[in-house]
Amino acid sequence: MTPNNSRRRALLLALALDALGEPPARLHPVIYMGNYLKWARKNWQGLTPGQQLAEGAVGWALGAGLAAGAGFMASRLPWYTQGALLKPLLARKALFGAVAEVCAALERGDLPEARRLLAWHLVSRDTSGLSAAEVAGAAIESLAENLSDSVVAPLLAYRVGGLPLAAAYRLTNTADALWGYRTPELEWAGKAAARADDLLNLAPARLTALCAVTASGGHAWRVWARDRRSTASPNAGHPMSAFAGALGVRLDKRSVYVLNAGGREPDAADVRRALRLAQRTFVLATLAVMLDV
């Protein structure tokens, strides 16, 4: 079997296993990555920006190196073992399920529960004062961004660099999720991980946006072209603006950004439509990755 065929089979197996859900926490590599990152953060001692930057950079580099090293050793195993190990590095079913839970609460008219589920599964900000439209919009934004970060990016990383790059990407993305905040404690310490995550997500974010535009029949490209740079992140605005244009909705994060300002306020029905769009986008992105493996 050629290397390309082995990698293609491993990708297909990982996607098939993802339909079964997440492995137990005690066996989940991302849990161990998170534990390492929390340990590293507890041991930071830097007082100046330079010291904090250095500590964060070393902590990220060491974690990424360990993840890549484990991936390198695993890459010598048969394709089916590689596929099983790749699966925990992506989370399509978990993402779609989390968004569907928020959507179901909105459909029932249970706004407090929708806010709770949004904060529990998808966002780190305070959701207690969000309107139903804002909850729906945040769910759509999270679906679009995490479709790139948690599904397309790991698949593309495996396609380019096998398990070493896929594992290093997941460690980096997890570090950005835990450290990438502009607070006094994390502004400098999390900067290296945040910049590395930005770099690794350049291609996945744009591929996801392109596939979303294609899946919508192409009419979302104007919003994508206009609003893709409206977010502070160099990547998140790509899939989110493509989804906003495809669905015809306004995605408004208070005092932060507005995507597709001329669109209507989103509701639960739009979250359902977003899930269908995400499924089509996922299929197209997977085909794009597979065809070049």
Protein backbone atom coordinates (compact mmCIF):
# COMPACT_ATOMS: atom_id res chain seq x y z
CA MET A 1 0.00 0.00 0.00
CA THR A 2 1.44 3.41 -0.94
CA PRO A 3 1.91 6.09 1.76
CA ASN A 4 -0.83 8.22 0.20
CA ASN A 5 -3.31 5.36 0.26
CA SER A 6 -2.43 4.58 3.88
CA ARG A 7 -2.99 8.19 4.89
CA ARG A 8 -6.28 8.33 3.00
CA ARG A 9 -7.52 5.21 4.74
CA ALA A 10 -6.46 6.57 8.13
CA LEU A 11 -8.41 9.78 7.46
CA LEU A 12 -11.52 7.84 6.50
CA LEU A 13 -11.25 5.65 9.57
CA ALA A 14 -10.83 8.69 11.85
CA LEU A 15 -13.97 10.25 10.38
CA ALA A 16 -15.90 7.01 10.77
CA LEU A 17 -14.82 6.67 14.39
CA ASP A 18 -15.81 10.28 15.04
CA ALA A 19 -19.42 9.27 14.39
CA LEU A 20 -19.19 7.18 17.57
CA GLY A 21 -18.34 10.20 19.71
CA GLU A 22 -15.41 11.01 21.97
CA PRO A 23 -13.26 8.40 23.74
CA PRO A 24 -13.27 8.28 27.58
CA ALA A 25 -11.46 11.17 29.24
CA ARG A 26 -8.77 8.85 30.62
CA LEU A 27 -7.84 7.88 27.05
CA HIS A 28 -8.28 11.27 25.38
CA PRO A 29 -4.99 12.87 24.29
CA VAL A 30 -6.47 16.38 24.32
CA ILE A 31 -7.26 15.95 28.02
CA TYR A 32 -3.60 15.18 28.64
CA MET A 33 -2.60 18.18 26.54
CA GLY A 34 -4.88 20.37 28.63
CA ASN A 35 -3.44 18.95 31.85
CA TYR A 36 0.08 19.71 30.66
CA LEU A 37 -0.87 23.28 29.71
CA LYS A 38 -2.54 23.88 33.07
CA TRP A 39 0.55 22.53 34.84
CA ALA A 40 2.82 24.80 32.80
CA ARG A 41 0.66 27.81 33.64
CA LYS A 42 0.81 27.06 37.38
CA ASN A 43 4.60 27.09 37.19
CA TRP A 44 4.97 30.47 35.49
CA GLN A 45 6.99 32.89 37.59
CA GLY A 46 7.84 35.70 35.19
CA LEU A 47 7.10 39.24 36.34
CA THR A 48 8.08 41.32 33.30
CA PRO A 49 6.52 41.06 29.83
CA GLY A 50 9.75 39.62 28.46
CA GLN A 51 9.93 36.93 31.12
CA GLN A 52 6.27 36.04 30.65
CA LEU A 53 6.69 35.89 26.88
CA ALA A 54 9.69 33.57 27.25
CA GLU A 55 7.95 31.28 29.73
CA GLY A 56 4.87 31.00 27.56
CA ALA A 57 6.93 30.38 24.43
CA VAL A 58 9.00 27.67 26.13
CA GLY A 59 5.88 26.04 27.59
CA TRP A 60 4.15 25.99 24.20
CA ALA A 61 7.26 24.82 22.30
CA LEU A 62 7.92 22.01 24.76
CA GLY A 63 4.31 20.83 24.61
CA ALA A 64 4.18 21.02 20.81
CA GLY A 65 7.47 19.16 20.60
CA LEU A 66 6.27 16.41 22.90
CA ALA A 67 3.02 16.10 20.94
CA ALA A 68 4.88 15.98 17.63
CA GLY A 69 7.31 13.42 19.02
CA ALA A 70 4.48 11.17 20.16
CA GLY A 71 2.90 11.59 16.74
CA PHE A 72 6.17 10.69 15.05
CA MET A 73 6.45 7.45 17.02
CA ALA A 74 2.80 6.63 16.28
CA SER A 75 3.31 7.32 12.57
CA ARG A 76 5.33 4.10 12.35
CA LEU A 77 2.22 2.10 13.29
CA PRO A 78 -0.27 0.60 10.77
CA TRP A 79 -2.74 2.93 9.06
CA TYR A 80 -5.69 1.69 11.12
CA THR A 81 -3.88 2.51 14.36
CA GLN A 82 -3.02 5.94 13.00
CA GLY A 83 -6.66 6.49 12.11
CA ALA A 84 -7.73 5.56 15.64
CA LEU A 85 -5.17 7.97 17.08
CA LEU A 86 -6.15 10.76 14.69
CA LYS A 87 -9.81 10.62 15.67
CA PRO A 88 -9.45 12.29 19.13
CA LEU A 89 -7.64 15.19 17.47
CA LEU A 90 -10.84 16.22 15.66
CA ALA A 91 -14.36 16.76 16.97
CA ARG A 92 -17.04 17.05 14.31
CA LYS A 93 -19.77 15.11 16.12
CA ALA A 94 -19.12 16.85 19.44
CA LEU A 95 -19.26 20.28 17.78
CA PHE A 96 -22.45 19.59 15.84
CA GLY A 97 -24.06 18.05 18.92
CA ALA A 98 -23.23 21.05 21.11
CA VAL A 99 -24.70 23.51 18.60
CA ALA A 100 -27.79 21.31 18.18
CA GLU A 101 -28.35 21.40 21.96
CA VAL A 102 -28.32 25.21 21.98
CA CYS A 103 -30.64 25.22 18.99
CA ALA A 104 -33.10 22.85 20.65
CA ALA A 105 -33.27 25.07 23.75
CA LEU A 106 -33.98 28.10 21.56
CA GLU A 107 -36.69 26.19 19.70
CA ARG A 108 -38.35 25.41 23.04
CA GLY A 109 -38.22 29.07 24.01
CA ASP A 110 -35.93 28.24 26.94
CA LEU A 111 -33.51 31.17 26.69
CA PRO A 112 -31.81 30.61 30.10
CA GLU A 113 -30.98 27.03 29.13
CA ALA A 114 -29.76 28.13 25.69
CA ARG A 115 -27.48 30.67 27.37
CA ARG A 116 -26.19 28.02 29.78
CA LEU A 117 -25.49 25.49 27.04
CA LEU A 118 -23.78 28.12 24.90
CA ALA A 119 -21.42 29.00 27.74
CA TRP A 120 -20.91 25.36 28.72
CA HIS A 121 -20.07 24.05 25.26
CA LEU A 122 -19.08 26.83 22.91
CA VAL A 123 -17.97 30.23 24.23
CA SER A 124 -15.89 31.56 27.11
CA ARG A 125 -17.65 34.92 27.54
CA ASP A 126 -20.53 35.77 29.86
CA THR A 127 -23.80 34.78 28.20
CA SER A 128 -26.24 35.78 30.96
CA GLY A 129 -27.34 38.98 29.26
CA LEU A 130 -27.55 37.75 25.65
CA SER A 131 -30.81 37.97 23.75
CA ALA A 132 -32.19 34.99 21.84
CA ALA A 133 -30.85 36.48 18.60
CA GLU A 134 -27.41 36.94 20.15
CA VAL A 135 -27.39 33.37 21.43
CA ALA A 136 -28.34 32.12 17.97
CA GLY A 137 -25.66 34.30 16.39
CA ALA A 138 -22.99 33.14 18.84
CA ALA A 139 -23.88 29.51 18.15
CA ILE A 140 -23.53 30.10 14.39
CA GLU A 141 -20.22 31.92 14.89
CA SER A 142 -18.85 29.13 17.08
CA LEU A 143 -20.01 26.49 14.62
CA ALA A 144 -18.28 28.22 11.71
CA GLU A 145 -15.04 28.97 13.57
CA ASN A 146 -14.75 25.57 15.22
CA LEU A 147 -15.60 23.75 12.01
CA SER A 148 -12.30 25.18 10.81
CA ASP A 149 -10.34 24.82 14.06
CA SER A 150 -11.60 21.45 15.29
CA VAL A 151 -12.35 19.57 12.08
CA VAL A 152 -10.81 20.96 8.90
CA ALA A 153 -7.52 22.03 10.49
CA PRO A 154 -6.66 18.64 12.05
CA LEU A 155 -7.55 16.87 8.81
CA LEU A 156 -5.44 19.26 6.76
CA ALA A 157 -2.56 19.03 9.25
CA TYR A 158 -2.61 15.24 8.96
CA ARG A 159 -2.72 15.49 5.18
CA VAL A 160 0.34 17.76 5.16
CA GLY A 161 2.44 16.36 8.00
CA GLY A 162 0.86 13.17 9.30
CA LEU A 163 0.31 12.54 13.00
CA PRO A 164 3.27 14.70 14.14
CA LEU A 165 1.78 17.87 12.66
CA ALA A 166 -1.80 16.95 13.59
CA ALA A 167 -0.78 16.41 17.23
CA ALA A 168 1.31 19.58 17.35
CA TYR A 169 -1.61 21.52 15.85
CA ARG A 170 -4.04 20.22 18.45
CA LEU A 171 -1.65 21.11 21.30
CA THR A 172 -1.21 24.59 19.84
CA ASN A 173 -4.93 25.14 19.35
CA THR A 174 -5.61 23.95 22.91
CA ALA A 175 -2.90 26.28 24.22
CA ASP A 176 -4.49 29.20 22.41
CA ALA A 177 -7.88 28.29 23.89
CA LEU A 178 -6.43 28.22 27.42
CA TRP A 179 -3.79 30.95 27.21
CA GLY A 180 -4.84 33.21 24.33
CA TYR A 181 -6.52 36.01 26.28
CA ARG A 182 -5.59 39.67 26.57
CA THR A 183 -5.65 39.73 30.35
CA PRO A 184 -2.77 41.02 32.51
CA GLU A 185 -1.73 37.46 33.35
CA LEU A 186 -1.93 36.06 29.80
CA GLU A 187 -1.29 39.01 27.47
CA TRP A 188 2.39 38.12 27.06
CA ALA A 189 2.55 34.54 28.28
CA GLY A 190 0.01 33.34 25.73
CA LYS A 191 1.33 35.32 22.79
CA ALA A 192 3.60 32.65 21.27
CA ALA A 193 0.86 30.01 21.31
CA ALA A 194 -1.65 32.48 19.89
CA ARG A 195 0.64 33.47 17.02
CA ALA A 196 1.49 29.85 16.26
CA ASP A 197 -2.21 29.02 16.22
CA ASP A 198 -2.85 31.93 13.84
CA LEU A 199 -0.17 30.61 11.48
CA LEU A 200 -1.40 27.01 11.53
CA ASN A 201 -4.99 28.09 10.87
CA LEU A 202 -4.31 30.34 7.88
CA ALA A 203 -5.04 27.62 5.31
CA PRO A 204 -7.85 25.76 7.15
CA ALA A 205 -9.86 28.94 7.80
CA ARG A 206 -9.75 29.96 4.15
CA LEU A 207 -10.49 26.45 2.91
CA THR A 208 -13.50 26.27 5.26
CA ALA A 209 -14.77 29.64 4.05
CA LEU A 210 -14.32 28.68 0.40
CA CYS A 211 -16.18 25.41 0.93
CA ALA A 212 -19.00 27.23 2.77
CA VAL A 213 -19.34 29.70 -0.09
CA THR A 214 -19.37 26.82 -2.58
CA ALA A 215 -21.89 24.87 -0.51
CA SER A 216 -24.22 27.89 -0.48
CA GLY A 217 -24.18 28.20 -4.25
CA GLY A 218 -21.59 30.97 -4.35
CA HIS A 219 -23.79 33.89 -3.31
CA ALA A 220 -21.97 34.35 0.03
CA TRP A 221 -18.69 35.37 -1.55
CA ARG A 222 -19.44 39.13 -1.42
CA VAL A 223 -19.92 39.08 2.35
CA TRP A 224 -16.83 36.91 2.76
CA ALA A 225 -14.75 39.26 0.63
CA ARG A 226 -15.99 42.34 2.47
CA ASP A 227 -16.11 41.18 6.10
CA ARG A 228 -13.42 38.52 6.44
CA ARG A 229 -11.04 40.98 8.10
CA SER A 230 -13.59 42.43 10.53
CA THR A 231 -12.46 40.26 13.46
CA ALA A 232 -9.31 40.69 15.52
CA SER A 233 -8.27 37.17 14.57
CA PRO A 234 -6.72 36.88 11.09
CA ASN A 235 -8.63 33.63 10.60
CA ALA A 236 -11.96 33.52 12.45
CA GLY A 237 -13.54 36.15 10.22
CA HIS A 238 -13.20 33.95 7.15
CA PRO A 239 -15.56 31.07 8.01
CA MET A 240 -17.84 33.28 10.13
CA SER A 241 -18.38 35.88 7.40
CA ALA A 242 -18.94 33.12 4.83
CA PHE A 243 -21.63 31.59 7.05
CA ALA A 244 -23.21 34.99 7.67
CA GLY A 245 -23.43 35.62 3.94
CA ALA A 246 -24.66 32.14 3.14
CA LEU A 247 -27.44 32.32 5.75
CA GLY A 248 -28.31 35.97 5.17
CA VAL A 249 -27.95 36.80 8.87
CA ARG A 250 -26.22 39.53 10.83
CA LEU A 251 -23.62 38.19 13.26
CA ASP A 252 -23.02 40.84 15.88
CA LYS A 253 -20.69 40.43 18.87
CA ARG A 254 -21.36 43.49 21.00
CA SER A 255 -18.72 46.20 20.65
CA VAL A 256 -16.37 43.76 18.92
CA TYR A 257 -17.47 43.13 15.32
CA VAL A 258 -20.44 42.97 12.96
CA LEU A 259 -20.54 40.55 10.04
CA ASN A 260 -23.05 41.04 7.22
CA ALA A 261 -24.49 44.21 8.76
CA GLY A 262 -27.39 44.22 6.29
CA GLY A 263 -28.59 40.74 7.27
CA ARG A 264 -31.51 39.90 9.53
CA GLU A 265 -31.24 38.88 13.16
CA PRO A 266 -30.64 35.11 13.45
CA ASP A 267 -33.04 32.76 15.21
CA ALA A 268 -33.28 29.05 16.00
CA ALA A 269 -34.28 28.21 12.43
CA ASP A 270 -31.07 29.84 11.21
CA VAL A 271 -29.03 27.73 13.61
CA ARG A 272 -30.64 24.63 12.05
CA ARG A 273 -29.78 25.96 8.61
CA ALA A 274 -26.23 26.62 9.79
CA LEU A 275 -25.89 23.01 10.89
CA ARG A 276 -26.96 21.82 7.44
CA LEU A 277 -24.55 24.26 5.81
CA ALA A 278 -21.77 23.05 8.11
CA GLN A 279 -22.43 19.46 7.09
CA ARG A 280 -22.16 20.34 3.38
CA THR A 281 -19.06 22.43 4.05
CA PHE A 282 -17.49 19.56 5.96
CA VAL A 283 -18.10 17.16 3.07
CA LEU A 284 -16.54 19.54 0.54
CA ALA A 285 -13.55 20.29 2.76
CA THR A 286 -12.98 16.59 3.40
CA LEU A 287 -13.07 15.87 -0.32
CA ALA A 288 -10.59 18.68 -0.95
CA VAL A 289 -8.22 17.20 1.63
CA MET A 290 -8.70 13.62 0.46
CA LEU A 291 -8.19 14.33 -3.22
CA ASP A 292 -4.72 15.68 -2.59
CA VAL A 293 -3.57 13.00 -0.13
